[in-house]
PDB file of all heavy atoms in Angstrom:
ATOM      1  N   LEU A   1     -31.478  -4.416 -39.037  1.00  0.00           N
ATOM      2  CA  LEU A   1     -32.275  -5.253 -38.153  1.00  0.00           C
ATOM      3  C   LEU A   1     -33.120  -6.212 -38.985  1.00  0.00           C
ATOM      4  O   LEU A   1     -33.528  -5.899 -40.114  1.00  0.00           O
ATOM      5  CB  LEU A   1     -33.191  -4.406 -37.277  1.00  0.00           C
ATOM      6  CG  LEU A   1     -32.517  -3.408 -36.335  1.00  0.00           C
ATOM      7  CD1 LEU A   1     -33.573  -2.619 -35.556  1.00  0.00           C
ATOM      8  CD2 LEU A   1     -31.559  -4.106 -35.372  1.00  0.00           C
ATOM      9  N   LEU A   2     -33.386  -7.369 -38.427  1.00  0.00           N
ATOM     10  CA  LEU A   2     -34.218  -8.375 -39.089  1.00  0.00           C
ATOM     11  C   LEU A   2     -35.533  -8.486 -38.338  1.00  0.00           C
ATOM     12  O   LEU A   2     -35.557  -8.681 -37.124  1.00  0.00           O
ATOM     13  CB  LEU A   2     -33.496  -9.733 -39.085  1.00  0.00           C
ATOM     14  CG  LEU A   2     -34.248 -10.909 -39.715  1.00  0.00           C
ATOM     15  CD1 LEU A   2     -34.467 -10.661 -41.209  1.00  0.00           C
ATOM     16  CD2 LEU A   2     -33.484 -12.209 -39.491  1.00  0.00           C
ATOM     17  N   ASP A   3     -36.645  -8.312 -39.069  1.00  0.00           N
ATOM     18  CA  ASP A   3     -37.961  -8.489 -38.460  1.00  0.00           C
ATOM     19  C   ASP A   3     -38.836  -9.315 -39.387  1.00  0.00           C
ATOM     20  O   ASP A   3     -38.346  -9.897 -40.367  1.00  0.00           O
ATOM     21  CB  ASP A   3     -38.611  -7.141 -38.116  1.00  0.00           C
ATOM     22  CG  ASP A   3     -38.769  -6.228 -39.326  1.00  0.00           C
ATOM     23  OD1 ASP A   3     -38.806  -6.752 -40.468  1.00  0.00           O
ATOM     24  OD2 ASP A   3     -38.875  -5.001 -39.146  1.00  0.00           O
ATOM     25  N   ALA A   4     -40.143  -9.349 -39.111  1.00  0.00           N
ATOM     26  CA  ALA A   4     -41.058 -10.201 -39.874  1.00  0.00           C
ATOM     27  C   ALA A   4     -41.144  -9.793 -41.338  1.00  0.00           C
ATOM     28  O   ALA A   4     -41.484 -10.612 -42.204  1.00  0.00           O
ATOM     29  CB  ALA A   4     -42.443 -10.182 -39.236  1.00  0.00           C
ATOM     30  N   GLU A   5     -40.830  -8.525 -41.630  1.00  0.00           N
ATOM     31  CA  GLU A   5     -40.936  -8.029 -43.003  1.00  0.00           C
ATOM     32  C   GLU A   5     -39.606  -8.068 -43.738  1.00  0.00           C
ATOM     33  O   GLU A   5     -39.505  -7.598 -44.869  1.00  0.00           O
ATOM     34  CB  GLU A   5     -41.491  -6.600 -42.990  1.00  0.00           C
ATOM     35  CG  GLU A   5     -42.896  -6.513 -42.386  1.00  0.00           C
ATOM     36  CD  GLU A   5     -43.418  -5.090 -42.379  1.00  0.00           C
ATOM     37  OE1 GLU A   5     -42.680  -4.189 -42.824  1.00  0.00           O
ATOM     38  OE2 GLU A   5     -44.561  -4.893 -41.935  1.00  0.00           O
ATOM     39  N   GLY A   6     -38.574  -8.563 -43.076  1.00  0.00           N
ATOM     40  CA  GLY A   6     -37.265  -8.637 -43.715  1.00  0.00           C
ATOM     41  C   GLY A   6     -36.245  -7.800 -42.966  1.00  0.00           C
ATOM     42  O   GLY A   6     -36.327  -7.637 -41.745  1.00  0.00           O
ATOM     43  N   THR A   7     -35.284  -7.258 -43.701  1.00  0.00           N
ATOM     44  CA  THR A   7     -34.254  -6.431 -43.069  1.00  0.00           C
ATOM     45  C   THR A   7     -34.578  -4.954 -43.256  1.00  0.00           C
ATOM     46  O   THR A   7     -35.130  -4.548 -44.277  1.00  0.00           O
ATOM     47  CB  THR A   7     -32.872  -6.721 -43.675  1.00  0.00           C
ATOM     48  OG1 THR A   7     -32.920  -6.499 -45.089  1.00  0.00           O
ATOM     49  CG2 THR A   7     -32.436  -8.151 -43.396  1.00  0.00           C
ATOM     50  N   ARG A   8     -34.242  -4.181 -42.254  1.00  0.00           N
ATOM     51  CA  ARG A   8     -34.428  -2.733 -42.343  1.00  0.00           C
ATOM     52  C   ARG A   8     -33.306  -2.047 -41.588  1.00  0.00           C
ATOM     53  O   ARG A   8     -32.757  -2.580 -40.621  1.00  0.00           O
ATOM     54  CB  ARG A   8     -35.783  -2.316 -41.760  1.00  0.00           C
ATOM     55  CG  ARG A   8     -35.953  -2.642 -40.286  1.00  0.00           C
ATOM     56  CD  ARG A   8     -37.334  -2.248 -39.782  1.00  0.00           C
ATOM     57  NE  ARG A   8     -37.529  -2.628 -38.384  1.00  0.00           N
ATOM     58  CZ  ARG A   8     -37.131  -1.887 -37.351  1.00  0.00           C
ATOM     59  NH1 ARG A   8     -36.550  -0.703 -37.554  1.00  0.00           N
ATOM     60  NH2 ARG A   8     -37.321  -2.301 -36.106  1.00  0.00           N
ATOM     61  N   TRP A   9     -32.959  -0.858 -42.052  1.00  0.00           N
ATOM     62  CA  TRP A   9     -31.898  -0.085 -41.416  1.00  0.00           C
ATOM     63  C   TRP A   9     -32.477   0.736 -40.267  1.00  0.00           C
ATOM     64  O   TRP A   9     -33.530   1.367 -40.396  1.00  0.00           O
ATOM     65  CB  TRP A   9     -31.239   0.855 -42.416  1.00  0.00           C
ATOM     66  CG  TRP A   9     -30.230   1.780 -41.792  1.00  0.00           C
ATOM     67  CD1 TRP A   9     -30.400   3.077 -41.435  1.00  0.00           C
ATOM     68  CD2 TRP A   9     -28.890   1.436 -41.424  1.00  0.00           C
ATOM     69  NE1 TRP A   9     -29.251   3.585 -40.871  1.00  0.00           N
ATOM     70  CE2 TRP A   9     -28.295   2.599 -40.851  1.00  0.00           C
ATOM     71  CE3 TRP A   9     -28.122   0.279 -41.524  1.00  0.00           C
ATOM     72  CZ2 TRP A   9     -26.988   2.619 -40.391  1.00  0.00           C
ATOM     73  CZ3 TRP A   9     -26.820   0.297 -41.069  1.00  0.00           C
ATOM     74  CH2 TRP A   9     -26.260   1.455 -40.511  1.00  0.00           C
ATOM     75  N   GLN A  10     -31.791   0.734 -39.143  1.00  0.00           N
ATOM     76  CA  GLN A  10     -32.190   1.583 -38.017  1.00  0.00           C
ATOM     77  C   GLN A  10     -31.048   2.530 -37.676  1.00  0.00           C
ATOM     78  O   GLN A  10     -29.945   2.098 -37.352  1.00  0.00           O
ATOM     79  CB  GLN A  10     -32.520   0.731 -36.785  1.00  0.00           C
ATOM     80  CG  GLN A  10     -32.886   1.577 -35.568  1.00  0.00           C
ATOM     81  CD  GLN A  10     -33.384   0.748 -34.413  1.00  0.00           C
ATOM     82  OE1 GLN A  10     -34.489   0.187 -34.473  1.00  0.00           O
ATOM     83  NE2 GLN A  10     -32.586   0.643 -33.363  1.00  0.00           N
ATOM     84  N   ASP A  11     -31.331   3.832 -37.758  1.00  0.00           N
ATOM     85  CA  ASP A  11     -30.325   4.830 -37.418  1.00  0.00           C
ATOM     86  C   ASP A  11     -29.885   4.684 -35.965  1.00  0.00           C
ATOM     87  O   ASP A  11     -30.708   4.458 -35.074  1.00  0.00           O
ATOM     88  CB  ASP A  11     -30.889   6.244 -37.609  1.00  0.00           C
ATOM     89  CG  ASP A  11     -30.866   6.711 -39.051  1.00  0.00           C
ATOM     90  OD1 ASP A  11     -30.128   6.135 -39.858  1.00  0.00           O
ATOM     91  OD2 ASP A  11     -31.603   7.670 -39.355  1.00  0.00           O
ATOM     92  N   GLY A  12     -28.595   4.867 -35.723  1.00  0.00           N
ATOM     93  CA  GLY A  12     -28.102   5.021 -34.370  1.00  0.00           C
ATOM     94  C   GLY A  12     -28.362   6.439 -33.904  1.00  0.00           C
ATOM     95  O   GLY A  12     -28.812   7.307 -34.676  1.00  0.00           O
ATOM     96  N   PRO A  13     -28.085   6.746 -32.655  1.00  0.00           N
ATOM     97  CA  PRO A  13     -28.420   8.075 -32.111  1.00  0.00           C
ATOM     98  C   PRO A  13     -27.721   9.226 -32.833  1.00  0.00           C
ATOM     99  O   PRO A  13     -28.321  10.288 -33.015  1.00  0.00           O
ATOM    100  CB  PRO A  13     -27.986   7.973 -30.644  1.00  0.00           C
ATOM    101  CG  PRO A  13     -27.055   6.813 -30.575  1.00  0.00           C
ATOM    102  CD  PRO A  13     -27.511   5.865 -31.628  1.00  0.00           C
ATOM    103  N   LEU A  14     -26.479   9.045 -33.238  1.00  0.00           N
ATOM    104  CA  LEU A  14     -25.781  10.121 -33.943  1.00  0.00           C
ATOM    105  C   LEU A  14     -26.393  10.354 -35.314  1.00  0.00           C
ATOM    106  O   LEU A  14     -26.618  11.505 -35.724  1.00  0.00           O
ATOM    107  CB  LEU A  14     -24.295   9.781 -34.071  1.00  0.00           C
ATOM    108  CG  LEU A  14     -23.416  10.829 -34.759  1.00  0.00           C
ATOM    109  CD1 LEU A  14     -23.444  12.154 -34.007  1.00  0.00           C
ATOM    110  CD2 LEU A  14     -21.976  10.313 -34.890  1.00  0.00           C
ATOM    111  N   ALA A  15     -26.681   9.287 -36.038  1.00  0.00           N
ATOM    112  CA  ALA A  15     -27.313   9.419 -37.354  1.00  0.00           C
ATOM    113  C   ALA A  15     -28.712  10.012 -37.235  1.00  0.00           C
ATOM    114  O   ALA A  15     -29.124  10.840 -38.053  1.00  0.00           O
ATOM    115  CB  ALA A  15     -27.366   8.058 -38.046  1.00  0.00           C
ATOM    116  N   LEU A  16     -29.451   9.600 -36.206  1.00  0.00           N
ATOM    117  CA  LEU A  16     -30.794  10.125 -35.989  1.00  0.00           C
ATOM    118  C   LEU A  16     -30.756  11.629 -35.775  1.00  0.00           C
ATOM    119  O   LEU A  16     -31.537  12.390 -36.376  1.00  0.00           O
ATOM    120  CB  LEU A  16     -31.418   9.437 -34.776  1.00  0.00           C
ATOM    121  CG  LEU A  16     -32.819   9.882 -34.371  1.00  0.00           C
ATOM    122  CD1 LEU A  16     -33.846   9.383 -35.372  1.00  0.00           C
ATOM    123  CD2 LEU A  16     -33.155   9.367 -32.973  1.00  0.00           C
ATOM    124  N   ALA A  17     -29.833  12.078 -34.927  1.00  0.00           N
ATOM    125  CA  ALA A  17     -29.731  13.509 -34.643  1.00  0.00           C
ATOM    126  C   ALA A  17     -29.296  14.288 -35.871  1.00  0.00           C
ATOM    127  O   ALA A  17     -29.823  15.374 -36.156  1.00  0.00           O
ATOM    128  CB  ALA A  17     -28.748  13.739 -33.498  1.00  0.00           C
ATOM    129  N   ALA A  18     -28.322  13.771 -36.614  1.00  0.00           N
ATOM    130  CA  ALA A  18     -27.822  14.464 -37.799  1.00  0.00           C
ATOM    131  C   ALA A  18     -28.896  14.542 -38.887  1.00  0.00           C
ATOM    132  O   ALA A  18     -29.033  15.560 -39.565  1.00  0.00           O
ATOM    133  CB  ALA A  18     -26.578  13.758 -38.327  1.00  0.00           C
ATOM    134  N   ARG A  19     -29.648  13.488 -39.035  1.00  0.00           N
ATOM    135  CA  ARG A  19     -30.653  13.433 -40.111  1.00  0.00           C
ATOM    136  C   ARG A  19     -31.832  14.378 -39.841  1.00  0.00           C
ATOM    137  O   ARG A  19     -32.339  15.028 -40.760  1.00  0.00           O
ATOM    138  CB  ARG A  19     -31.162  11.996 -40.259  1.00  0.00           C
ATOM    139  CG  ARG A  19     -32.029  11.772 -41.490  1.00  0.00           C
ATOM    140  CD  ARG A  19     -32.635  10.380 -41.483  1.00  0.00           C
ATOM    141  NE  ARG A  19     -31.671   9.308 -41.454  1.00  0.00           N
ATOM    142  CZ  ARG A  19     -31.065   8.801 -42.530  1.00  0.00           C
ATOM    143  NH1 ARG A  19     -31.312   9.312 -43.733  1.00  0.00           N
ATOM    144  NH2 ARG A  19     -30.219   7.789 -42.411  1.00  0.00           N
ATOM    145  N   HIS A  20     -32.238  14.481 -38.569  1.00  0.00           N
ATOM    146  CA  HIS A  20     -33.484  15.194 -38.262  1.00  0.00           C
ATOM    147  C   HIS A  20     -33.285  16.515 -37.527  1.00  0.00           C
ATOM    148  O   HIS A  20     -34.253  17.211 -37.255  1.00  0.00           O
ATOM    149  CB  HIS A  20     -34.407  14.289 -37.450  1.00  0.00           C
ATOM    150  CG  HIS A  20     -34.818  13.046 -38.184  1.00  0.00           C
ATOM    151  ND1 HIS A  20     -35.712  13.061 -39.226  1.00  0.00           N
ATOM    152  CD2 HIS A  20     -34.431  11.749 -38.025  1.00  0.00           C
ATOM    153  CE1 HIS A  20     -35.886  11.832 -39.683  1.00  0.00           C
ATOM    154  NE2 HIS A  20     -35.122  11.016 -38.974  1.00  0.00           N
ATOM    155  N   GLY A  21     -32.050  16.862 -37.183  1.00  0.00           N
ATOM    156  CA  GLY A  21     -31.801  18.188 -36.633  1.00  0.00           C
ATOM    157  C   GLY A  21     -31.904  18.307 -35.134  1.00  0.00           C
ATOM    158  O   GLY A  21     -32.484  19.278 -34.632  1.00  0.00           O
ATOM    159  N   ALA A  22     -31.325  17.356 -34.411  1.00  0.00           N
ATOM    160  CA  ALA A  22     -31.269  17.443 -32.949  1.00  0.00           C
ATOM    161  C   ALA A  22     -29.860  17.852 -32.520  1.00  0.00           C
ATOM    162  O   ALA A  22     -28.921  17.876 -33.321  1.00  0.00           O
ATOM    163  CB  ALA A  22     -31.630  16.094 -32.318  1.00  0.00           C
ATOM    164  N   ILE A  23     -29.736  18.188 -31.252  1.00  0.00           N
ATOM    165  CA  ILE A  23     -28.412  18.310 -30.647  1.00  0.00           C
ATOM    166  C   ILE A  23     -28.029  16.919 -30.157  1.00  0.00           C
ATOM    167  O   ILE A  23     -28.799  16.270 -29.448  1.00  0.00           O
ATOM    168  CB  ILE A  23     -28.428  19.299 -29.463  1.00  0.00           C
ATOM    169  CG1 ILE A  23     -28.773  20.707 -29.954  1.00  0.00           C
ATOM    170  CG2 ILE A  23     -27.082  19.316 -28.742  1.00  0.00           C
ATOM    171  CD1 ILE A  23     -28.976  21.713 -28.835  1.00  0.00           C
ATOM    172  N   CYS A  24     -26.877  16.431 -30.556  1.00  0.00           N
ATOM    173  CA  CYS A  24     -26.400  15.126 -30.111  1.00  0.00           C
ATOM    174  C   CYS A  24     -25.322  15.344 -29.056  1.00  0.00           C
ATOM    175  O   CYS A  24     -24.335  16.044 -29.300  1.00  0.00           O
ATOM    176  CB  CYS A  24     -25.839  14.311 -31.269  1.00  0.00           C
ATOM    177  SG  CYS A  24     -25.361  12.628 -30.784  1.00  0.00           S
ATOM    178  N   TYR A  25     -25.530  14.764 -27.886  1.00  0.00           N
ATOM    179  CA  TYR A  25     -24.613  14.930 -26.762  1.00  0.00           C
ATOM    180  C   TYR A  25     -23.928  13.607 -26.459  1.00  0.00           C
ATOM    181  O   TYR A  25     -24.574  12.642 -26.036  1.00  0.00           O
ATOM    182  CB  TYR A  25     -25.393  15.416 -25.547  1.00  0.00           C
ATOM    183  CG  TYR A  25     -24.577  15.551 -24.280  1.00  0.00           C
ATOM    184  CD1 TYR A  25     -23.347  16.203 -24.277  1.00  0.00           C
ATOM    185  CD2 TYR A  25     -25.047  15.040 -23.071  1.00  0.00           C
ATOM    186  CE1 TYR A  25     -22.611  16.331 -23.114  1.00  0.00           C
ATOM    187  CE2 TYR A  25     -24.325  15.177 -21.907  1.00  0.00           C
ATOM    188  CZ  TYR A  25     -23.097  15.823 -21.936  1.00  0.00           C
ATOM    189  OH  TYR A  25     -22.367  15.946 -20.785  1.00  0.00           O
ATOM    190  N   LEU A  26     -22.621  13.552 -26.692  1.00  0.00           N
ATOM    191  CA  LEU A  26     -21.826  12.360 -26.401  1.00  0.00           C
ATOM    192  C   LEU A  26     -21.170  12.556 -25.038  1.00  0.00           C
ATOM    193  O   LEU A  26     -20.138  13.220 -24.921  1.00  0.00           O
ATOM    194  CB  LEU A  26     -20.782  12.136 -27.499  1.00  0.00           C
ATOM    195  CG  LEU A  26     -21.330  12.032 -28.927  1.00  0.00           C
ATOM    196  CD1 LEU A  26     -20.190  11.813 -29.925  1.00  0.00           C
ATOM    197  CD2 LEU A  26     -22.369  10.917 -29.038  1.00  0.00           C
ATOM    198  N   ASP A  27     -21.784  11.997 -24.029  1.00  0.00           N
ATOM    199  CA  ASP A  27     -21.322  12.163 -22.653  1.00  0.00           C
ATOM    200  C   ASP A  27     -20.119  11.252 -22.400  1.00  0.00           C
ATOM    201  O   ASP A  27     -20.179  10.051 -22.664  1.00  0.00           O
ATOM    202  CB  ASP A  27     -22.467  11.824 -21.702  1.00  0.00           C
ATOM    203  CG  ASP A  27     -22.157  12.158 -20.257  1.00  0.00           C
ATOM    204  OD1 ASP A  27     -21.188  12.895 -20.006  1.00  0.00           O
ATOM    205  OD2 ASP A  27     -22.902  11.677 -19.384  1.00  0.00           O
ATOM    206  N   GLU A  28     -19.020  11.829 -21.877  1.00  0.00           N
ATOM    207  CA  GLU A  28     -17.772  11.102 -21.630  1.00  0.00           C
ATOM    208  C   GLU A  28     -17.275  10.434 -22.916  1.00  0.00           C
ATOM    209  O   GLU A  28     -17.003   9.236 -22.972  1.00  0.00           O
ATOM    210  CB  GLU A  28     -17.950  10.079 -20.513  1.00  0.00           C
ATOM    211  CG  GLU A  28     -18.225  10.699 -19.156  1.00  0.00           C
ATOM    212  CD  GLU A  28     -17.077  11.568 -18.625  1.00  0.00           C
ATOM    213  OE1 GLU A  28     -15.954  11.445 -19.131  1.00  0.00           O
ATOM    214  OE2 GLU A  28     -17.328  12.383 -17.713  1.00  0.00           O
ATOM    215  N   ILE A  29     -17.121  11.231 -23.938  1.00  0.00           N
ATOM    216  CA  ILE A  29     -16.720  10.734 -25.251  1.00  0.00           C
ATOM    217  C   ILE A  29     -15.382  10.001 -25.209  1.00  0.00           C
ATOM    218  O   ILE A  29     -15.136   9.080 -25.989  1.00  0.00           O
ATOM    219  CB  ILE A  29     -16.660  11.903 -26.269  1.00  0.00           C
ATOM    220  CG1 ILE A  29     -16.398  11.375 -27.684  1.00  0.00           C
ATOM    221  CG2 ILE A  29     -15.635  12.946 -25.861  1.00  0.00           C
ATOM    222  CD1 ILE A  29     -16.438  12.444 -28.755  1.00  0.00           C
ATOM    223  N   VAL A  30     -14.524  10.372 -24.278  1.00  0.00           N
ATOM    224  CA  VAL A  30     -13.206   9.768 -24.200  1.00  0.00           C
ATOM    225  C   VAL A  30     -13.275   8.274 -23.884  1.00  0.00           C
ATOM    226  O   VAL A  30     -12.332   7.525 -24.160  1.00  0.00           O
ATOM    227  CB  VAL A  30     -12.345  10.504 -23.150  1.00  0.00           C
ATOM    228  CG1 VAL A  30     -12.815  10.195 -21.749  1.00  0.00           C
ATOM    229  CG2 VAL A  30     -10.875  10.172 -23.305  1.00  0.00           C
ATOM    230  N   GLU A  31     -14.404   7.814 -23.330  1.00  0.00           N
ATOM    231  CA  GLU A  31     -14.545   6.410 -22.972  1.00  0.00           C
ATOM    232  C   GLU A  31     -14.885   5.531 -24.171  1.00  0.00           C
ATOM    233  O   GLU A  31     -14.758   4.309 -24.094  1.00  0.00           O
ATOM    234  CB  GLU A  31     -15.638   6.248 -21.909  1.00  0.00           C
ATOM    235  CG  GLU A  31     -15.363   6.978 -20.598  1.00  0.00           C
ATOM    236  CD  GLU A  31     -14.136   6.442 -19.881  1.00  0.00           C
ATOM    237  OE1 GLU A  31     -13.797   5.265 -20.082  1.00  0.00           O
ATOM    238  OE2 GLU A  31     -13.521   7.207 -19.108  1.00  0.00           O
ATOM    239  N   ALA A  32     -15.340   6.126 -25.276  1.00  0.00           N
ATOM    240  CA  ALA A  32     -15.747   5.345 -26.443  1.00  0.00           C
ATOM    241  C   ALA A  32     -14.543   4.736 -27.145  1.00  0.00           C
ATOM    242  O   ALA A  32     -13.403   5.186 -26.979  1.00  0.00           O
ATOM    243  CB  ALA A  32     -16.538   6.220 -27.407  1.00  0.00           C
ATOM    244  N   ARG A  33     -14.787   3.727 -27.941  1.00  0.00           N
ATOM    245  CA  ARG A  33     -13.721   3.065 -28.686  1.00  0.00           C
ATOM    246  C   ARG A  33     -13.176   3.985 -29.780  1.00  0.00           C
ATOM    247  O   ARG A  33     -13.886   4.876 -30.266  1.00  0.00           O
ATOM    248  CB  ARG A  33     -14.235   1.764 -29.296  1.00  0.00           C
ATOM    249  CG  ARG A  33     -14.546   0.678 -28.271  1.00  0.00           C
ATOM    250  CD  ARG A  33     -14.876  -0.631 -28.957  1.00  0.00           C
ATOM    251  NE  ARG A  33     -15.155  -1.673 -27.980  1.00  0.00           N
ATOM    252  CZ  ARG A  33     -15.395  -2.939 -28.297  1.00  0.00           C
ATOM    253  NH1 ARG A  33     -15.410  -3.312 -29.574  1.00  0.00           N
ATOM    254  NH2 ARG A  33     -15.638  -3.818 -27.350  1.00  0.00           N
ATOM    255  N   PRO A  34     -11.946   3.774 -30.201  1.00  0.00           N
ATOM    256  CA  PRO A  34     -11.344   4.652 -31.219  1.00  0.00           C
ATOM    257  C   PRO A  34     -12.159   4.754 -32.504  1.00  0.00           C
ATOM    258  O   PRO A  34     -12.239   5.831 -33.103  1.00  0.00           O
ATOM    259  CB  PRO A  34      -9.978   4.002 -31.467  1.00  0.00           C
ATOM    260  CG  PRO A  34      -9.639   3.329 -30.171  1.00  0.00           C
ATOM    261  CD  PRO A  34     -10.956   2.817 -29.644  1.00  0.00           C
ATOM    262  N   ASP A  35     -12.778   3.658 -32.957  1.00  0.00           N
ATOM    263  CA  ASP A  35     -13.549   3.724 -34.199  1.00  0.00           C
ATOM    264  C   ASP A  35     -14.771   4.620 -34.046  1.00  0.00           C
ATOM    265  O   ASP A  35     -15.207   5.259 -35.012  1.00  0.00           O
ATOM    266  CB  ASP A  35     -13.964   2.326 -34.673  1.00  0.00           C
ATOM    267  CG  ASP A  35     -14.941   1.650 -33.721  1.00  0.00           C
ATOM    268  OD1 ASP A  35     -14.635   1.574 -32.518  1.00  0.00           O
ATOM    269  OD2 ASP A  35     -16.009   1.196 -34.187  1.00  0.00           O
ATOM    270  N   ALA A  36     -15.327   4.701 -32.828  1.00  0.00           N
ATOM    271  CA  ALA A  36     -16.463   5.591 -32.595  1.00  0.00           C
ATOM    272  C   ALA A  36     -16.026   7.044 -32.660  1.00  0.00           C
ATOM    273  O   ALA A  36     -16.749   7.908 -33.192  1.00  0.00           O
ATOM    274  CB  ALA A  36     -17.101   5.286 -31.238  1.00  0.00           C
ATOM    275  N   LEU A  37     -14.838   7.341 -32.133  1.00  0.00           N
ATOM    276  CA  LEU A  37     -14.328   8.718 -32.174  1.00  0.00           C
ATOM    277  C   LEU A  37     -14.080   9.149 -33.614  1.00  0.00           C
ATOM    278  O   LEU A  37     -14.421  10.269 -34.009  1.00  0.00           O
ATOM    279  CB  LEU A  37     -13.035   8.817 -31.369  1.00  0.00           C
ATOM    280  CG  LEU A  37     -13.149   8.498 -29.871  1.00  0.00           C
ATOM    281  CD1 LEU A  37     -11.792   8.616 -29.199  1.00  0.00           C
ATOM    282  CD2 LEU A  37     -14.142   9.428 -29.203  1.00  0.00           C
ATOM    283  N   VAL A  38     -13.497   8.279 -34.402  1.00  0.00           N
ATOM    284  CA  VAL A  38     -13.222   8.606 -35.809  1.00  0.00           C
ATOM    285  C   VAL A  38     -14.523   8.826 -36.577  1.00  0.00           C
ATOM    286  O   VAL A  38     -14.591   9.668 -37.484  1.00  0.00           O
ATOM    287  CB  VAL A  38     -12.385   7.494 -36.461  1.00  0.00           C
ATOM    288  CG1 VAL A  38     -12.244   7.728 -37.964  1.00  0.00           C
ATOM    289  CG2 VAL A  38     -11.003   7.419 -35.817  1.00  0.00           C
ATOM    290  N   ALA A  39     -15.575   8.106 -36.206  1.00  0.00           N
ATOM    291  CA  ALA A  39     -16.845   8.209 -36.926  1.00  0.00           C
ATOM    292  C   ALA A  39     -17.449   9.600 -36.852  1.00  0.00           C
ATOM    293  O   ALA A  39     -18.188  10.007 -37.756  1.00  0.00           O
ATOM    294  CB  ALA A  39     -17.835   7.177 -36.385  1.00  0.00           C
ATOM    295  N   VAL A  40     -17.155  10.357 -35.779  1.00  0.00           N
ATOM    296  CA  VAL A  40     -17.760  11.685 -35.650  1.00  0.00           C
ATOM    297  C   VAL A  40     -17.003  12.745 -36.449  1.00  0.00           C
ATOM    298  O   VAL A  40     -17.520  13.850 -36.657  1.00  0.00           O
ATOM    299  CB  VAL A  40     -17.839  12.133 -34.164  1.00  0.00           C
ATOM    300  CG1 VAL A  40     -18.503  11.066 -33.308  1.00  0.00           C
ATOM    301  CG2 VAL A  40     -16.478  12.512 -33.610  1.00  0.00           C
ATOM    302  N   HIS A  41     -15.800  12.444 -36.906  1.00  0.00           N
ATOM    303  CA  HIS A  41     -14.963  13.462 -37.543  1.00  0.00           C
ATOM    304  C   HIS A  41     -15.625  14.161 -38.728  1.00  0.00           C
ATOM    305  O   HIS A  41     -15.536  15.391 -38.833  1.00  0.00           O
ATOM    306  CB  HIS A  41     -13.625  12.849 -37.971  1.00  0.00           C
ATOM    307  CG  HIS A  41     -12.697  12.599 -36.818  1.00  0.00           C
ATOM    308  ND1 HIS A  41     -11.406  12.144 -36.986  1.00  0.00           N
ATOM    309  CD2 HIS A  41     -12.866  12.733 -35.472  1.00  0.00           C
ATOM    310  CE1 HIS A  41     -10.829  12.018 -35.793  1.00  0.00           C
ATOM    311  NE2 HIS A  41     -11.698  12.366 -34.874  1.00  0.00           N
ATOM    312  N   PRO A  42     -16.290  13.445 -39.649  1.00  0.00           N
ATOM    313  CA  PRO A  42     -16.878  14.154 -40.800  1.00  0.00           C
ATOM    314  C   PRO A  42     -17.984  15.145 -40.425  1.00  0.00           C
ATOM    315  O   PRO A  42     -18.321  16.021 -41.226  1.00  0.00           O
ATOM    316  CB  PRO A  42     -17.446  13.012 -41.662  1.00  0.00           C
ATOM    317  CG  PRO A  42     -16.688  11.805 -41.252  1.00  0.00           C
ATOM    318  CD  PRO A  42     -16.424  11.983 -39.793  1.00  0.00           C
ATOM    319  N   LEU A  43     -18.535  15.006 -39.212  1.00  0.00           N
ATOM    320  CA  LEU A  43     -19.573  15.939 -38.771  1.00  0.00           C
ATOM    321  C   LEU A  43     -18.993  17.172 -38.091  1.00  0.00           C
ATOM    322  O   LEU A  43     -19.726  18.124 -37.801  1.00  0.00           O
ATOM    323  CB  LEU A  43     -20.520  15.243 -37.787  1.00  0.00           C
ATOM    324  CG  LEU A  43     -21.560  14.292 -38.387  1.00  0.00           C
ATOM    325  CD1 LEU A  43     -22.253  13.520 -37.274  1.00  0.00           C
ATOM    326  CD2 LEU A  43     -22.572  15.036 -39.240  1.00  0.00           C
TER     327      LEU A  43
END
């Protein structure tokens, strides 16, 4: 993201949950694009 202080990384919901220890719930996962499905495989 770009803001007044420059660029900064913002975690998406899956990264946020994995980093801090939440349960991540992907509701109707079958509707997501193929690249999104592949992204969850390493977890």
